């Protein structure tokens, strides 16, 4: 996962910045600089709030498509198959397909 690696790099950089401030390497040293792990609750909250839209979008698509996963046409042939399913369904929706016994 790219986001996990990016998050780990950001946390490592933040930890380095906090440690350099605590030892006086980043200008005037502050006594209340804190430890690097004090940032973890804030990072967890941000991660949660960034995850909510993606997960909710999956559930919204599943609800709108009658309980089926969202279909993605990445190539023209897949798009043609989706259009065929839409045409054969009789209700102009690709996710409501008829069985082979109902196709004329």
PDB file of N, CA and C in Angstrom:
ATOM      1  N   UNK A   1       0.836  -1.176   0.000  1.00  0.00           N
ATOM      2  CA  UNK A   1       0.000   0.000   0.000  1.00  0.00           C
ATOM      3  C   UNK A   1       0.882   1.241   0.000  1.00  0.00           C
ATOM      4  N   UNK A   2       0.627   2.098  -0.903  1.00  0.00           N
ATOM      5  CA  UNK A   2       1.435   3.313  -0.986  1.00  0.00           C
ATOM      6  C   UNK A   2       1.168   4.248   0.169  1.00  0.00           C
ATOM      7  N   UNK A   3      -0.092   4.364   0.580  1.00  0.00           N
ATOM      8  CA  UNK A   3      -0.406   5.311   1.641  1.00  0.00           C
ATOM      9  C   UNK A   3       0.269   4.913   2.946  1.00  0.00           C
ATOM     10  N   UNK A   4       0.405   3.615   3.195  1.00  0.00           N
ATOM     11  CA  UNK A   4       1.074   3.163   4.411  1.00  0.00           C
ATOM     12  C   UNK A   4       2.544   3.531   4.410  1.00  0.00           C
ATOM     13  N   UNK A   5       3.194   3.372   3.245  1.00  0.00           N
ATOM     14  CA  UNK A   5       4.604   3.723   3.138  1.00  0.00           C
ATOM     15  C   UNK A   5       4.797   5.229   3.261  1.00  0.00           C
ATOM     16  N   UNK A   6       3.892   5.990   2.643  1.00  0.00           N
ATOM     17  CA  UNK A   6       3.997   7.445   2.729  1.00  0.00           C
ATOM     18  C   UNK A   6       3.767   7.905   4.164  1.00  0.00           C
ATOM     19  N   UNK A   7       2.818   7.266   4.828  1.00  0.00           N
ATOM     20  CA  UNK A   7       2.530   7.617   6.215  1.00  0.00           C
ATOM     21  C   UNK A   7       3.728   7.291   7.106  1.00  0.00           C
ATOM     22  N   UNK A   8       4.361   6.135   6.851  1.00  0.00           N
ATOM     23  CA  UNK A   8       5.526   5.753   7.643  1.00  0.00           C
ATOM     24  C   UNK A   8       6.675   6.737   7.429  1.00  0.00           C
ATOM     25  N   UNK A   9       6.851   7.183   6.176  1.00  0.00           N
ATOM     26  CA  UNK A   9       7.906   8.168   5.899  1.00  0.00           C
ATOM     27  C   UNK A   9       7.601   9.489   6.589  1.00  0.00           C
ATOM     28  N   UNK A  10       6.342   9.896   6.555  1.00  0.00           N
ATOM     29  CA  UNK A  10       5.966  11.153   7.196  1.00  0.00           C
ATOM     30  C   UNK A  10       6.166  11.067   8.702  1.00  0.00           C
ATOM     31  N   UNK A  11       5.802   9.923   9.280  1.00  0.00           N
ATOM     32  CA  UNK A  11       5.995   9.761  10.723  1.00  0.00           C
ATOM     33  C   UNK A  11       7.479   9.737  11.074  1.00  0.00           C
ATOM     34  N   UNK A  12       8.287   9.083  10.248  1.00  0.00           N
ATOM     35  CA  UNK A  12       9.722   9.039  10.511  1.00  0.00           C
ATOM     36  C   UNK A  12      10.322  10.439  10.433  1.00  0.00           C
ATOM     37  N   UNK A  13       9.909  11.208   9.438  1.00  0.00           N
ATOM     38  CA  UNK A  13      10.408  12.575   9.306  1.00  0.00           C
ATOM     39  C   UNK A  13       9.954  13.429  10.480  1.00  0.00           C
ATOM     40  N   UNK A  14       8.699  13.234  10.898  1.00  0.00           N
ATOM     41  CA  UNK A  14       8.187  13.990  12.020  1.00  0.00           C
ATOM     42  C   UNK A  14       8.923  13.620  13.302  1.00  0.00           C
ATOM     43  N   UNK A  15       9.189  12.330  13.474  1.00  0.00           N
ATOM     44  CA  UNK A  15       9.932  11.885  14.648  1.00  0.00           C
ATOM     45  C   UNK A  15      11.332  12.471  14.676  1.00  0.00           C
ATOM     46  N   UNK A  16      11.991  12.533  13.512  1.00  0.00           N
ATOM     47  CA  UNK A  16      13.320  13.134  13.418  1.00  0.00           C
ATOM     48  C   UNK A  16      13.253  14.612  13.764  1.00  0.00           C
ATOM     49  N   UNK A  17      12.216  15.302  13.261  1.00  0.00           N
ATOM     50  CA  UNK A  17      12.084  16.734  13.527  1.00  0.00           C
ATOM     51  C   UNK A  17      11.855  16.984  15.016  1.00  0.00           C
ATOM     52  N   UNK A  18      10.989  16.157  15.637  1.00  0.00           N
ATOM     53  CA  UNK A  18      10.731  16.342  17.067  1.00  0.00           C
ATOM     54  C   UNK A  18      11.970  16.035  17.895  1.00  0.00           C
ATOM     55  N   UNK A  19      12.723  14.992  17.501  1.00  0.00           N
ATOM     56  CA  UNK A  19      13.904  14.666  18.280  1.00  0.00           C
ATOM     57  C   UNK A  19      14.980  15.731  18.124  1.00  0.00           C
ATOM     58  N   UNK A  20      15.087  16.328  16.930  1.00  0.00           N
ATOM     59  CA  UNK A  20      16.106  17.358  16.745  1.00  0.00           C
ATOM     60  C   UNK A  20      15.743  18.622  17.529  1.00  0.00           C
ATOM     61  N   UNK A  21      14.439  18.904  17.652  1.00  0.00           N
ATOM     62  CA  UNK A  21      14.020  20.057  18.447  1.00  0.00           C
ATOM     63  C   UNK A  21      14.294  19.795  19.915  1.00  0.00           C
ATOM     64  N   UNK A  22      14.045  18.551  20.347  1.00  0.00           N
ATOM     65  CA  UNK A  22      14.215  18.228  21.764  1.00  0.00           C
ATOM     66  C   UNK A  22      15.678  18.309  22.190  1.00  0.00           C
ATOM     67  N   UNK A  23      16.625  17.991  21.298  1.00  0.00           N
ATOM     68  CA  UNK A  23      18.028  18.035  21.678  1.00  0.00           C
ATOM     69  C   UNK A  23      18.671  19.368  21.354  1.00  0.00           C
ATOM     70  N   UNK A  24      17.911  20.290  20.797  1.00  0.00           N
ATOM     71  CA  UNK A  24      18.445  21.617  20.542  1.00  0.00           C
ATOM     72  C   UNK A  24      19.009  21.781  19.151  1.00  0.00           C
ATOM     73  N   UNK A  25      18.833  20.816  18.259  1.00  0.00           N
ATOM     74  CA  UNK A  25      19.361  20.927  16.910  1.00  0.00           C
ATOM     75  C   UNK A  25      18.529  21.803  16.004  1.00  0.00           C
ATOM     76  N   UNK A  26      17.285  22.070  16.351  1.00  0.00           N
ATOM     77  CA  UNK A  26      16.400  22.824  15.478  1.00  0.00           C
ATOM     78  C   UNK A  26      16.109  24.208  16.007  1.00  0.00           C
ATOM     79  N   UNK A  27      17.067  24.911  16.454  1.00  0.00           N
ATOM     80  CA  UNK A  27      16.837  26.249  16.993  1.00  0.00           C
ATOM     81  C   UNK A  27      16.800  26.206  18.508  1.00  0.00           C
ATOM     82  N   UNK A  28      15.935  27.044  19.071  1.00  0.00           N
ATOM     83  CA  UNK A  28      15.829  27.099  20.525  1.00  0.00           C
ATOM     84  C   UNK A  28      15.125  25.847  21.042  1.00  0.00           C
ATOM     85  N   UNK A  29      15.771  25.150  21.967  1.00  0.00           N
ATOM     86  CA  UNK A  29      15.203  23.918  22.518  1.00  0.00           C
ATOM     87  C   UNK A  29      14.079  24.263  23.479  1.00  0.00           C
ATOM     88  N   UNK A  30      12.978  23.492  23.364  1.00  0.00           N
ATOM     89  CA  UNK A  30      11.853  23.702  24.267  1.00  0.00           C
ATOM     90  C   UNK A  30      11.780  22.515  25.210  1.00  0.00           C
ATOM     91  N   UNK A  31      11.458  22.774  26.446  1.00  0.00           N
ATOM     92  CA  UNK A  31      11.364  21.700  27.427  1.00  0.00           C
ATOM     93  C   UNK A  31      10.079  20.901  27.245  1.00  0.00           C
ATOM     94  N   UNK A  32       9.049  21.496  26.649  1.00  0.00           N
ATOM     95  CA  UNK A  32       7.770  20.812  26.495  1.00  0.00           C
ATOM     96  C   UNK A  32       7.577  20.254  25.084  1.00  0.00           C
ATOM     97  N   UNK A  33       8.655  19.886  24.422  1.00  0.00           N
ATOM     98  CA  UNK A  33       8.562  19.387  23.049  1.00  0.00           C
ATOM     99  C   UNK A  33       7.815  18.067  22.982  1.00  0.00           C
ATOM    100  N   UNK A  34       7.901  17.236  23.988  1.00  0.00           N
ATOM    101  CA  UNK A  34       7.160  15.982  24.018  1.00  0.00           C
ATOM    102  C   UNK A  34       7.902  14.869  23.307  1.00  0.00           C
ATOM    103  N   UNK A  35       7.303  13.701  23.368  1.00  0.00           N
ATOM    104  CA  UNK A  35       7.898  12.529  22.737  1.00  0.00           C
ATOM    105  C   UNK A  35       7.252  12.315  21.378  1.00  0.00           C
ATOM    106  N   UNK A  36       7.928  11.561  20.526  1.00  0.00           N
ATOM    107  CA  UNK A  36       7.445  11.353  19.158  1.00  0.00           C
ATOM    108  C   UNK A  36       6.126  10.593  19.114  1.00  0.00           C
ATOM    109  N   UNK A  37       5.883   9.708  20.064  1.00  0.00           N
ATOM    110  CA  UNK A  37       4.682   8.878  20.021  1.00  0.00           C
ATOM    111  C   UNK A  37       3.429   9.629  20.447  1.00  0.00           C
ATOM    112  N   UNK A  38       3.554  10.852  20.919  1.00  0.00           N
ATOM    113  CA  UNK A  38       2.384  11.641  21.290  1.00  0.00           C
ATOM    114  C   UNK A  38       1.592  12.076  20.063  1.00  0.00           C
ATOM    115  N   UNK A  39       2.175  11.967  18.883  1.00  0.00           N
ATOM    116  CA  UNK A  39       1.495  12.328  17.649  1.00  0.00           C
ATOM    117  C   UNK A  39       0.574  11.209  17.171  1.00  0.00           C
ATOM    118  N   UNK A  40       0.746   9.981  17.682  1.00  0.00           N
ATOM    119  CA  UNK A  40      -0.001   8.824  17.183  1.00  0.00           C
ATOM    120  C   UNK A  40      -1.521   8.957  17.287  1.00  0.00           C
ATOM    121  N   UNK A  41      -2.098   9.469  18.364  1.00  0.00           N
ATOM    122  CA  UNK A  41      -3.563   9.620  18.375  1.00  0.00           C
ATOM    123  C   UNK A  41      -4.067  10.556  17.270  1.00  0.00           C
ATOM    124  N   UNK A  42      -3.350  11.631  17.033  1.00  0.00           N
ATOM    125  CA  UNK A  42      -3.746  12.556  15.965  1.00  0.00           C
ATOM    126  C   UNK A  42      -3.637  11.917  14.591  1.00  0.00           C
ATOM    127  N   UNK A  43      -2.576  11.144  14.376  1.00  0.00           N
ATOM    128  CA  UNK A  43      -2.403  10.444  13.098  1.00  0.00           C
ATOM    129  C   UNK A  43      -3.503   9.398  12.924  1.00  0.00           C
ATOM    130  N   UNK A  44      -3.876   8.724  13.995  1.00  0.00           N
ATOM    131  CA  UNK A  44      -4.948   7.725  13.914  1.00  0.00           C
ATOM    132  C   UNK A  44      -6.279   8.381  13.563  1.00  0.00           C
ATOM    133  N   UNK A  45      -6.566   9.525  14.150  1.00  0.00           N
ATOM    134  CA  UNK A  45      -7.816  10.232  13.843  1.00  0.00           C
ATOM    135  C   UNK A  45      -7.817  10.687  12.389  1.00  0.00           C
ATOM    136  N   UNK A  46      -6.701  11.246  11.918  1.00  0.00           N
ATOM    137  CA  UNK A  46      -6.626  11.678  10.516  1.00  0.00           C
ATOM    138  C   UNK A  46      -6.767  10.493   9.574  1.00  0.00           C
ATOM    139  N   UNK A  47      -6.118   9.391   9.893  1.00  0.00           N
ATOM    140  CA  UNK A  47      -6.233   8.199   9.055  1.00  0.00           C
ATOM    141  C   UNK A  47      -7.659   7.685   9.006  1.00  0.00           C
ATOM    142  N   UNK A  48      -8.336   7.705  10.136  1.00  0.00           N
ATOM    143  CA  UNK A  48      -9.731   7.271  10.183  1.00  0.00           C
ATOM    144  C   UNK A  48     -10.605   8.161   9.304  1.00  0.00           C
ATOM    145  N   UNK A  49     -10.435   9.467   9.431  1.00  0.00           N
ATOM    146  CA  UNK A  49     -11.257  10.382   8.646  1.00  0.00           C
ATOM    147  C   UNK A  49     -10.929  10.335   7.161  1.00  0.00           C
ATOM    148  N   UNK A  50      -9.714   9.960   6.807  1.00  0.00           N
ATOM    149  CA  UNK A  50      -9.378   9.803   5.386  1.00  0.00           C
ATOM    150  C   UNK A  50      -9.869   8.467   4.837  1.00  0.00           C
ATOM    151  N   UNK A  51     -10.096   7.496   5.693  1.00  0.00           N
ATOM    152  CA  UNK A  51     -10.570   6.179   5.272  1.00  0.00           C
ATOM    153  C   UNK A  51     -12.088   6.144   5.106  1.00  0.00           C
ATOM    154  N   UNK A  52     -12.806   6.907   5.894  1.00  0.00           N
ATOM    155  CA  UNK A  52     -14.269   6.876   5.886  1.00  0.00           C
ATOM    156  C   UNK A  52     -14.866   7.129   4.500  1.00  0.00           C
ATOM    157  N   UNK A  53     -14.439   8.139   3.728  1.00  0.00           N
ATOM    158  CA  UNK A  53     -15.061   8.352   2.415  1.00  0.00           C
ATOM    159  C   UNK A  53     -14.869   7.175   1.456  1.00  0.00           C
ATOM    160  N   UNK A  54     -13.714   6.567   1.442  1.00  0.00           N
ATOM    161  CA  UNK A  54     -13.477   5.447   0.538  1.00  0.00           C
ATOM    162  C   UNK A  54     -14.316   4.236   0.876  1.00  0.00           C
ATOM    163  N   UNK A  55     -14.410   3.916   2.156  1.00  0.00           N
ATOM    164  CA  UNK A  55     -15.197   2.757   2.578  1.00  0.00           C
ATOM    165  C   UNK A  55     -16.684   3.021   2.363  1.00  0.00           C
ATOM    166  N   UNK A  56     -17.129   4.227   2.676  1.00  0.00           N
ATOM    167  CA  UNK A  56     -18.548   4.532   2.480  1.00  0.00           C
ATOM    168  C   UNK A  56     -18.914   4.524   1.003  1.00  0.00           C
ATOM    169  N   UNK A  57     -17.992   4.917   0.127  1.00  0.00           N
ATOM    170  CA  UNK A  57     -18.265   4.892  -1.313  1.00  0.00           C
ATOM    171  C   UNK A  57     -18.484   3.467  -1.805  1.00  0.00           C
ATOM    172  N   UNK A  58     -17.735   2.515  -1.280  1.00  0.00           N
ATOM    173  CA  UNK A  58     -17.929   1.113  -1.644  1.00  0.00           C
ATOM    174  C   UNK A  58     -19.337   0.667  -1.274  1.00  0.00           C
ATOM    175  N   UNK A  59     -19.790   1.019  -0.079  1.00  0.00           N
ATOM    176  CA  UNK A  59     -21.123   0.616   0.363  1.00  0.00           C
ATOM    177  C   UNK A  59     -22.223   1.330  -0.418  1.00  0.00           C
ATOM    178  N   UNK A  60     -21.990   2.582  -0.780  1.00  0.00           N
ATOM    179  CA  UNK A  60     -22.981   3.320  -1.575  1.00  0.00           C
ATOM    180  C   UNK A  60     -23.133   2.680  -2.956  1.00  0.00           C
ATOM    181  N   UNK A  61     -22.011   2.335  -3.599  1.00  0.00           N
ATOM    182  CA  UNK A  61     -22.072   1.692  -4.914  1.00  0.00           C
ATOM    183  C   UNK A  61     -22.780   0.344  -4.815  1.00  0.00           C
ATOM    184  N   UNK A  62     -22.482  -0.418  -3.778  1.00  0.00           N
ATOM    185  CA  UNK A  62     -23.118  -1.723  -3.599  1.00  0.00           C
ATOM    186  C   UNK A  62     -24.629  -1.557  -3.401  1.00  0.00           C
ATOM    187  N   UNK A  63     -25.041  -0.556  -2.652  1.00  0.00           N
ATOM    188  CA  UNK A  63     -26.467  -0.309  -2.430  1.00  0.00           C
ATOM    189  C   UNK A  63     -27.159   0.104  -3.728  1.00  0.00           C
ATOM    190  N   UNK A  64     -26.523   0.988  -4.493  1.00  0.00           N
ATOM    191  CA  UNK A  64     -27.124   1.470  -5.727  1.00  0.00           C
ATOM    192  C   UNK A  64     -27.148   0.409  -6.821  1.00  0.00           C
ATOM    193  N   UNK A  65     -26.246  -0.555  -6.789  1.00  0.00           N
ATOM    194  CA  UNK A  65     -26.181  -1.586  -7.823  1.00  0.00           C
ATOM    195  C   UNK A  65     -26.878  -2.869  -7.406  1.00  0.00           C
ATOM    196  N   UNK A  66     -27.812  -2.797  -6.509  1.00  0.00           N
ATOM    197  CA  UNK A  66     -28.583  -3.967  -6.127  1.00  0.00           C
ATOM    198  C   UNK A  66     -27.780  -5.017  -5.388  1.00  0.00           C
ATOM    199  N   UNK A  67     -26.818  -4.647  -4.575  1.00  0.00           N
ATOM    200  CA  UNK A  67     -26.034  -5.590  -3.786  1.00  0.00           C
ATOM    201  C   UNK A  67     -24.822  -6.147  -4.502  1.00  0.00           C
ATOM    202  N   UNK A  68     -24.597  -5.741  -5.743  1.00  0.00           N
ATOM    203  CA  UNK A  68     -23.444  -6.241  -6.491  1.00  0.00           C
ATOM    204  C   UNK A  68     -22.314  -5.214  -6.444  1.00  0.00           C
ATOM    205  N   UNK A  69     -21.109  -5.704  -6.649  1.00  0.00           N
ATOM    206  CA  UNK A  69     -19.958  -4.804  -6.661  1.00  0.00           C
ATOM    207  C   UNK A  69     -20.003  -3.893  -7.885  1.00  0.00           C
ATOM    208  N   UNK A  70     -19.325  -2.776  -7.792  1.00  0.00           N
ATOM    209  CA  UNK A  70     -19.234  -1.860  -8.917  1.00  0.00           C
ATOM    210  C   UNK A  70     -18.414  -2.506 -10.029  1.00  0.00           C
ATOM    211  N   UNK A  71     -18.904  -2.427 -11.239  1.00  0.00           N
ATOM    212  CA  UNK A  71     -18.153  -2.952 -12.376  1.00  0.00           C
ATOM    213  C   UNK A  71     -17.365  -1.820 -13.009  1.00  0.00           C
ATOM    214  N   UNK A  72     -16.132  -2.118 -13.360  1.00  0.00           N
ATOM    215  CA  UNK A  72     -15.260  -1.121 -13.953  1.00  0.00           C
ATOM    216  C   UNK A  72     -14.823  -1.631 -15.320  1.00  0.00           C
ATOM    217  N   UNK A  73     -14.971  -0.798 -16.338  1.00  0.00           N
ATOM    218  CA  UNK A  73     -14.540  -1.163 -17.684  1.00  0.00           C
ATOM    219  C   UNK A  73     -13.217  -0.455 -17.965  1.00  0.00           C
ATOM    220  N   UNK A  74     -12.134  -1.180 -17.841  1.00  0.00           N
ATOM    221  CA  UNK A  74     -10.814  -0.586 -18.063  1.00  0.00           C
ATOM    222  C   UNK A  74     -10.362  -0.714 -19.515  1.00  0.00           C
ATOM    223  N   UNK A  75     -10.986  -1.616 -20.233  1.00  0.00           N
ATOM    224  CA  UNK A  75     -10.632  -1.822 -21.635  1.00  0.00           C
ATOM    225  C   UNK A  75     -11.904  -1.780 -22.468  1.00  0.00           C
ATOM    226  N   UNK A  76     -11.781  -1.463 -23.757  1.00  0.00           N
ATOM    227  CA  UNK A  76     -12.981  -1.360 -24.602  1.00  0.00           C
ATOM    228  C   UNK A  76     -13.828  -2.634 -24.617  1.00  0.00           C
ATOM    229  N   UNK A  77     -13.196  -3.807 -24.578  1.00  0.00           N
ATOM    230  CA  UNK A  77     -13.958  -5.045 -24.598  1.00  0.00           C
ATOM    231  C   UNK A  77     -14.840  -5.173 -23.360  1.00  0.00           C
ATOM    232  N   UNK A  78     -14.327  -4.764 -22.195  1.00  0.00           N
ATOM    233  CA  UNK A  78     -15.131  -4.798 -20.980  1.00  0.00           C
ATOM    234  C   UNK A  78     -16.311  -3.837 -21.076  1.00  0.00           C
ATOM    235  N   UNK A  79     -16.089  -2.686 -21.703  1.00  0.00           N
ATOM    236  CA  UNK A  79     -17.169  -1.723 -21.886  1.00  0.00           C
ATOM    237  C   UNK A  79     -18.249  -2.317 -22.784  1.00  0.00           C
ATOM    238  N   UNK A  80     -17.837  -3.010 -23.850  1.00  0.00           N
ATOM    239  CA  UNK A  80     -18.806  -3.641 -24.740  1.00  0.00           C
ATOM    240  C   UNK A  80     -19.628  -4.701 -24.005  1.00  0.00           C
ATOM    241  N   UNK A  81     -18.984  -5.445 -23.127  1.00  0.00           N
ATOM    242  CA  UNK A  81     -19.720  -6.441 -22.340  1.00  0.00           C
ATOM    243  C   UNK A  81     -20.736  -5.778 -21.407  1.00  0.00           C
ATOM    244  N   UNK A  82     -20.357  -4.664 -20.797  1.00  0.00           N
ATOM    245  CA  UNK A  82     -21.293  -3.951 -19.922  1.00  0.00           C
ATOM    246  C   UNK A  82     -22.469  -3.406 -20.727  1.00  0.00           C
ATOM    247  N   UNK A  83     -22.188  -2.881 -21.918  1.00  0.00           N
ATOM    248  CA  UNK A  83     -23.262  -2.375 -22.765  1.00  0.00           C
ATOM    249  C   UNK A  83     -24.185  -3.505 -23.207  1.00  0.00           C
ATOM    250  N   UNK A  84     -23.613  -4.670 -23.506  1.00  0.00           N
ATOM    251  CA  UNK A  84     -24.416  -5.827 -23.871  1.00  0.00           C
ATOM    252  C   UNK A  84     -25.324  -6.227 -22.708  1.00  0.00           C
ATOM    253  N   UNK A  85     -24.776  -6.257 -21.493  1.00  0.00           N
ATOM    254  CA  UNK A  85     -25.577  -6.612 -20.327  1.00  0.00           C
ATOM    255  C   UNK A  85     -26.694  -5.609 -20.095  1.00  0.00           C
ATOM    256  N   UNK A  86     -26.403  -4.333 -20.325  1.00  0.00           N
ATOM    257  CA  UNK A  86     -27.424  -3.289 -20.166  1.00  0.00           C
ATOM    258  C   UNK A  86     -28.535  -3.478 -21.186  1.00  0.00           C
ATOM    259  N   UNK A  87     -28.166  -3.765 -22.416  1.00  0.00           N
ATOM    260  CA  UNK A  87     -29.146  -3.942 -23.487  1.00  0.00           C
ATOM    261  C   UNK A  87     -30.013  -5.176 -23.243  1.00  0.00           C
ATOM    262  N   UNK A  88     -29.402  -6.271 -22.809  1.00  0.00           N
ATOM    263  CA  UNK A  88     -30.131  -7.514 -22.625  1.00  0.00           C
ATOM    264  C   UNK A  88     -30.974  -7.544 -21.356  1.00  0.00           C
ATOM    265  N   UNK A  89     -30.668  -6.665 -20.410  1.00  0.00           N
ATOM    266  CA  UNK A  89     -31.396  -6.702 -19.142  1.00  0.00           C
ATOM    267  C   UNK A  89     -32.850  -6.303 -19.313  1.00  0.00           C
ATOM    268  N   UNK A  90     -33.154  -5.477 -20.292  1.00  0.00           N
ATOM    269  CA  UNK A  90     -34.528  -5.048 -20.514  1.00  0.00           C
ATOM    270  C   UNK A  90     -34.953  -3.875 -19.654  1.00  0.00           C
ATOM    271  N   UNK A  91     -34.165  -3.527 -18.659  1.00  0.00           N
ATOM    272  CA  UNK A  91     -34.504  -2.391 -17.792  1.00  0.00           C
ATOM    273  C   UNK A  91     -33.455  -1.288 -17.897  1.00  0.00           C
ATOM    274  N   UNK A  92     -32.548  -1.426 -18.866  1.00  0.00           N
ATOM    275  CA  UNK A  92     -31.523  -0.413 -19.148  1.00  0.00           C
ATOM    276  C   UNK A  92     -30.552  -0.227 -17.984  1.00  0.00           C
ATOM    277  N   UNK A  93     -30.272  -1.296 -17.248  1.00  0.00           N
ATOM    278  CA  UNK A  93     -29.297  -1.273 -16.158  1.00  0.00           C
ATOM    279  C   UNK A  93     -28.416  -2.505 -16.284  1.00  0.00           C
ATOM    280  N   UNK A  94     -27.111  -2.319 -16.283  1.00  0.00           N
ATOM    281  CA  UNK A  94     -26.212  -3.446 -16.527  1.00  0.00           C
ATOM    282  C   UNK A  94     -26.163  -4.431 -15.373  1.00  0.00           C
ATOM    283  N   UNK A  95     -26.529  -4.008 -14.172  1.00  0.00           N
ATOM    284  CA  UNK A  95     -26.404  -4.896 -13.014  1.00  0.00           C
ATOM    285  C   UNK A  95     -27.657  -5.735 -12.779  1.00  0.00           C
ATOM    286  N   UNK A  96     -28.733  -5.499 -13.507  1.00  0.00           N
ATOM    287  CA  UNK A  96     -29.952  -6.300 -13.418  1.00  0.00           C
ATOM    288  C   UNK A  96     -30.040  -7.178 -14.652  1.00  0.00           C
ATOM    289  N   UNK A  97     -29.295  -8.245 -14.668  1.00  0.00           N
ATOM    290  CA  UNK A  97     -29.247  -9.060 -15.871  1.00  0.00           C
ATOM    291  C   UNK A  97     -30.255 -10.196 -15.805  1.00  0.00           C
ATOM    292  N   UNK A  98     -30.704 -10.588 -16.970  1.00  0.00           N
ATOM    293  CA  UNK A  98     -31.582 -11.749 -17.091  1.00  0.00           C
ATOM    294  C   UNK A  98     -30.717 -12.990 -17.187  1.00  0.00           C
ATOM    295  N   UNK A  99     -31.307 -14.110 -16.889  1.00  0.00           N
ATOM    296  CA  UNK A  99     -30.617 -15.360 -17.102  1.00  0.00           C
ATOM    297  C   UNK A  99     -30.671 -15.740 -18.573  1.00  0.00           C
ATOM    298  N   UNK A 100     -29.921 -16.745 -18.964  1.00  0.00           N
ATOM    299  CA  UNK A 100     -29.892 -17.161 -20.363  1.00  0.00           C
ATOM    300  C   UNK A 100     -31.256 -17.649 -20.839  1.00  0.00           C
ATOM    301  N   UNK A 101     -32.075 -18.164 -19.932  1.00  0.00           N
ATOM    302  CA  UNK A 101     -33.384 -18.661 -20.340  1.00  0.00           C
ATOM    303  C   UNK A 101     -34.336 -17.523 -20.721  1.00  0.00           C
ATOM    304  N   UNK A 102     -34.064 -16.293 -20.302  1.00  0.00           N
ATOM    305  CA  UNK A 102     -34.953 -15.168 -20.582  1.00  0.00           C
ATOM    306  C   UNK A 102     -34.516 -14.351 -21.792  1.00  0.00           C
ATOM    307  N   UNK A 103     -33.376 -14.671 -22.379  1.00  0.00           N
ATOM    308  CA  UNK A 103     -32.877 -13.892 -23.518  1.00  0.00           C
ATOM    309  C   UNK A 103     -33.492 -14.449 -24.792  1.00  0.00           C
ATOM    310  N   UNK A 104     -34.070 -13.576 -25.630  1.00  0.00           N
ATOM    311  CA  UNK A 104     -34.676 -13.996 -26.899  1.00  0.00           C
ATOM    312  C   UNK A 104     -33.609 -14.257 -27.944  1.00  0.00           C
TER     313      UNK A 104
END
